[in-house]
Amino acid sequence: MSRDEEPGSPRRRRPRVEQTPVQRALGLLTRREHSKRELERKLASRGVSTEEARATVDRLAGEGWQDDRRFAELLVRSRASSGYGPLRIRAELATHGLDREAIATAMDTFDGDWTETACDLVRRRFGPGGLTDLAGRRKAADFLIRRGFDGGSVRAATRLDWED
């Protein structure tokens, strides 16, 4: 039995191999989708130069590994299913460096109705007895506004006829 195999002896670890920027970026992309800006920022925070990070992301985008359109569509679906409204989702997409056209295209992929989404959210959150008075309606309206719903959706959801 060698010294390394003795019970209680420390195990040897393999030396850590330095990853290339492409390997680092692919590691991030295998966990979840990232926008170009976000991926460049993460690579830079891991010690990759700005120029090299940009070149790496451009290469991966050209090869289909990174796609801002796909990222935006997934984010819209994810946030909408989590109960967020269009204003909040648009703002979040803008923080990821997407232009107006890309944001509009991604928002068009949502096949639901924002007003109906707001109404469902109020029903689940406040129940049938939650909007019986003005204070309850205000509380529901504030909640929807914080979630990023527009005025029309908020008005429709807080003036629900609970007999529907």
Protein backbone atom coordinates (compact mmCIF):
# COMPACT_ATOMS: atom_id res chain seq x y z
CA MET A 1 0.00 0.00 0.00
CA SER A 2 1.50 3.31 -1.03
CA ARG A 3 1.61 6.33 1.19
CA ASP A 4 -1.18 8.04 -0.83
CA GLU A 5 -3.49 5.08 -0.33
CA GLU A 6 -3.12 4.84 3.43
CA PRO A 7 -6.29 5.52 5.37
CA GLY A 8 -6.36 9.01 6.78
CA SER A 9 -3.69 10.38 4.44
CA PRO A 10 -4.53 13.48 2.41
CA ARG A 11 -5.53 12.89 -1.19
CA ARG A 12 -3.70 14.51 -4.01
CA ARG A 13 -5.66 16.92 -6.11
CA ARG A 14 -5.15 17.35 -9.77
CA PRO A 15 -3.53 20.62 -10.69
CA ARG A 16 -6.09 23.14 -11.81
CA VAL A 17 -5.91 23.82 -15.53
CA GLU A 18 -6.46 27.43 -16.57
CA GLN A 19 -9.58 27.71 -18.72
CA THR A 20 -9.67 29.64 -21.95
CA PRO A 21 -12.19 32.48 -22.30
CA VAL A 22 -14.27 30.28 -24.61
CA GLN A 23 -14.37 27.48 -22.03
CA ARG A 24 -15.37 29.94 -19.33
CA ALA A 25 -18.13 31.41 -21.49
CA LEU A 26 -19.43 27.97 -22.46
CA GLY A 27 -19.47 27.01 -18.79
CA LEU A 28 -21.68 30.00 -18.06
CA LEU A 29 -23.95 29.31 -21.05
CA THR A 30 -24.47 25.67 -20.11
CA ARG A 31 -26.00 26.79 -16.81
CA ARG A 32 -28.44 29.28 -18.36
CA GLU A 33 -28.85 31.74 -21.24
CA HIS A 34 -26.99 35.06 -21.00
CA SER A 35 -27.21 38.26 -23.00
CA LYS A 36 -24.09 39.45 -24.81
CA ARG A 37 -23.56 42.29 -22.34
CA GLU A 38 -24.02 40.05 -19.34
CA LEU A 39 -21.64 37.40 -20.69
CA GLU A 40 -18.97 40.00 -21.52
CA ARG A 41 -19.29 41.48 -18.02
CA LYS A 42 -18.98 38.08 -16.35
CA LEU A 43 -15.92 37.16 -18.41
CA ALA A 44 -14.31 40.49 -17.55
CA SER A 45 -14.97 39.89 -13.85
CA ARG A 46 -13.12 36.59 -14.20
CA GLY A 47 -9.98 38.27 -15.46
CA VAL A 48 -10.55 38.21 -19.23
CA SER A 49 -9.64 41.43 -21.02
CA THR A 50 -12.51 43.49 -22.45
CA GLU A 51 -11.38 42.98 -26.04
CA GLU A 52 -10.91 39.25 -25.58
CA ALA A 53 -14.29 38.93 -23.84
CA ARG A 54 -16.02 40.77 -26.70
CA ALA A 55 -14.28 38.61 -29.31
CA THR A 56 -15.19 35.44 -27.42
CA VAL A 57 -18.85 36.41 -27.13
CA ASP A 58 -19.00 37.41 -30.80
CA ARG A 59 -17.51 34.04 -31.76
CA LEU A 60 -20.00 32.11 -29.62
CA ALA A 61 -22.87 34.18 -31.00
CA GLY A 62 -21.72 33.42 -34.54
CA GLU A 63 -21.63 29.71 -33.74
CA GLY A 64 -25.11 29.78 -32.18
CA TRP A 65 -24.08 29.22 -28.56
CA GLN A 66 -25.18 32.69 -27.49
CA ASP A 67 -28.28 34.38 -28.87
CA ASP A 68 -29.80 37.60 -27.51
CA ARG A 69 -33.15 36.80 -29.14
CA ARG A 70 -33.35 33.40 -27.46
CA PHE A 71 -32.24 34.92 -24.14
CA ALA A 72 -34.92 37.61 -24.35
CA GLU A 73 -37.71 35.18 -25.20
CA LEU A 74 -36.79 32.91 -22.29
CA LEU A 75 -36.65 35.86 -19.91
CA VAL A 76 -40.09 37.08 -21.02
CA ARG A 77 -41.61 33.63 -20.51
CA SER A 78 -39.90 33.15 -17.16
CA ARG A 79 -40.86 36.52 -15.72
CA ALA A 80 -44.43 36.42 -17.04
CA SER A 81 -44.96 32.98 -15.49
CA SER A 82 -43.59 34.37 -12.22
CA GLY A 83 -46.26 37.08 -12.19
CA TYR A 84 -44.37 40.09 -13.51
CA GLY A 85 -45.90 42.60 -15.88
CA PRO A 86 -44.74 44.02 -19.20
CA LEU A 87 -43.26 47.24 -17.82
CA ARG A 88 -40.98 45.40 -15.40
CA ILE A 89 -39.96 42.84 -18.02
CA ARG A 90 -39.15 45.54 -20.60
CA ALA A 91 -37.01 47.36 -18.04
CA GLU A 92 -35.14 44.18 -17.15
CA LEU A 93 -34.49 43.41 -20.82
CA ALA A 94 -33.08 46.91 -21.26
CA THR A 95 -30.66 46.36 -18.38
CA HIS A 96 -29.27 43.38 -20.30
CA GLY A 97 -28.23 45.62 -23.18
CA LEU A 98 -30.97 44.74 -25.65
CA ASP A 99 -32.14 47.39 -28.10
CA ARG A 100 -35.77 48.51 -28.51
CA GLU A 101 -36.36 46.28 -31.52
CA ALA A 102 -35.10 43.16 -29.73
CA ILE A 103 -37.21 44.00 -26.69
CA ALA A 104 -40.33 44.54 -28.81
CA THR A 105 -39.75 41.26 -30.65
CA ALA A 106 -39.32 39.38 -27.38
CA MET A 107 -42.41 40.95 -25.84
CA ASP A 108 -44.43 39.96 -28.92
CA THR A 109 -43.61 36.30 -28.20
CA PHE A 110 -45.79 36.44 -25.07
CA ASP A 111 -48.99 34.75 -26.17
CA GLY A 112 -51.04 35.59 -23.09
CA ASP A 113 -53.09 38.60 -22.10
CA TRP A 114 -51.43 40.96 -19.60
CA THR A 115 -54.77 42.09 -18.17
CA GLU A 116 -55.87 38.51 -17.60
CA THR A 117 -52.48 37.75 -16.03
CA ALA A 118 -52.98 40.68 -13.61
CA CYS A 119 -56.51 39.52 -12.78
CA ASP A 120 -55.31 35.97 -12.06
CA LEU A 121 -52.52 37.32 -9.89
CA VAL A 122 -55.00 39.38 -7.83
CA ARG A 123 -57.34 36.39 -7.45
CA ARG A 124 -54.50 34.17 -6.23
CA ARG A 125 -52.94 36.78 -3.97
CA PHE A 126 -55.99 38.40 -2.39
CA GLY A 127 -58.74 35.82 -2.81
CA PRO A 128 -62.41 36.58 -3.40
CA GLY A 129 -62.79 38.63 -0.20
CA GLY A 130 -59.65 40.71 -0.63
CA LEU A 131 -61.04 43.61 -2.66
CA THR A 132 -64.20 44.41 -0.77
CA ASP A 133 -63.13 47.90 0.26
CA LEU A 134 -61.05 50.78 -1.05
CA ALA A 135 -58.04 49.85 1.11
CA GLY A 136 -57.97 46.33 -0.36
CA ARG A 137 -58.16 47.71 -3.89
CA ARG A 138 -55.31 50.12 -3.19
CA LYS A 139 -53.20 47.33 -1.76
CA ALA A 140 -53.84 45.17 -4.84
CA ALA A 141 -53.14 48.10 -7.18
CA ASP A 142 -49.85 48.89 -5.42
CA PHE A 143 -48.87 45.23 -5.66
CA LEU A 144 -49.56 45.12 -9.41
CA ILE A 145 -47.74 48.39 -10.05
CA ARG A 146 -44.66 47.06 -8.22
CA ARG A 147 -44.90 43.95 -10.39
CA GLY A 148 -44.82 46.08 -13.55
CA PHE A 149 -48.37 46.11 -14.86
CA ASP A 150 -49.75 49.12 -16.73
CA GLY A 151 -52.61 51.31 -15.54
CA GLY A 152 -55.28 49.64 -17.67
CA SER A 153 -54.43 46.18 -16.38
CA VAL A 154 -54.31 47.44 -12.80
CA ARG A 155 -57.73 49.10 -13.11
CA ALA A 156 -59.26 45.99 -14.67
CA ALA A 157 -57.77 43.67 -12.05
CA THR A 158 -58.75 45.78 -9.05
CA ARG A 159 -62.32 46.27 -10.23
CA LEU A 160 -63.04 42.59 -10.61
CA ASP A 161 -66.61 41.46 -10.42
CA TRP A 162 -66.08 38.41 -8.23
CA GLU A 163 -69.24 36.75 -9.53
CA ASP A 164 -67.56 36.16 -12.94
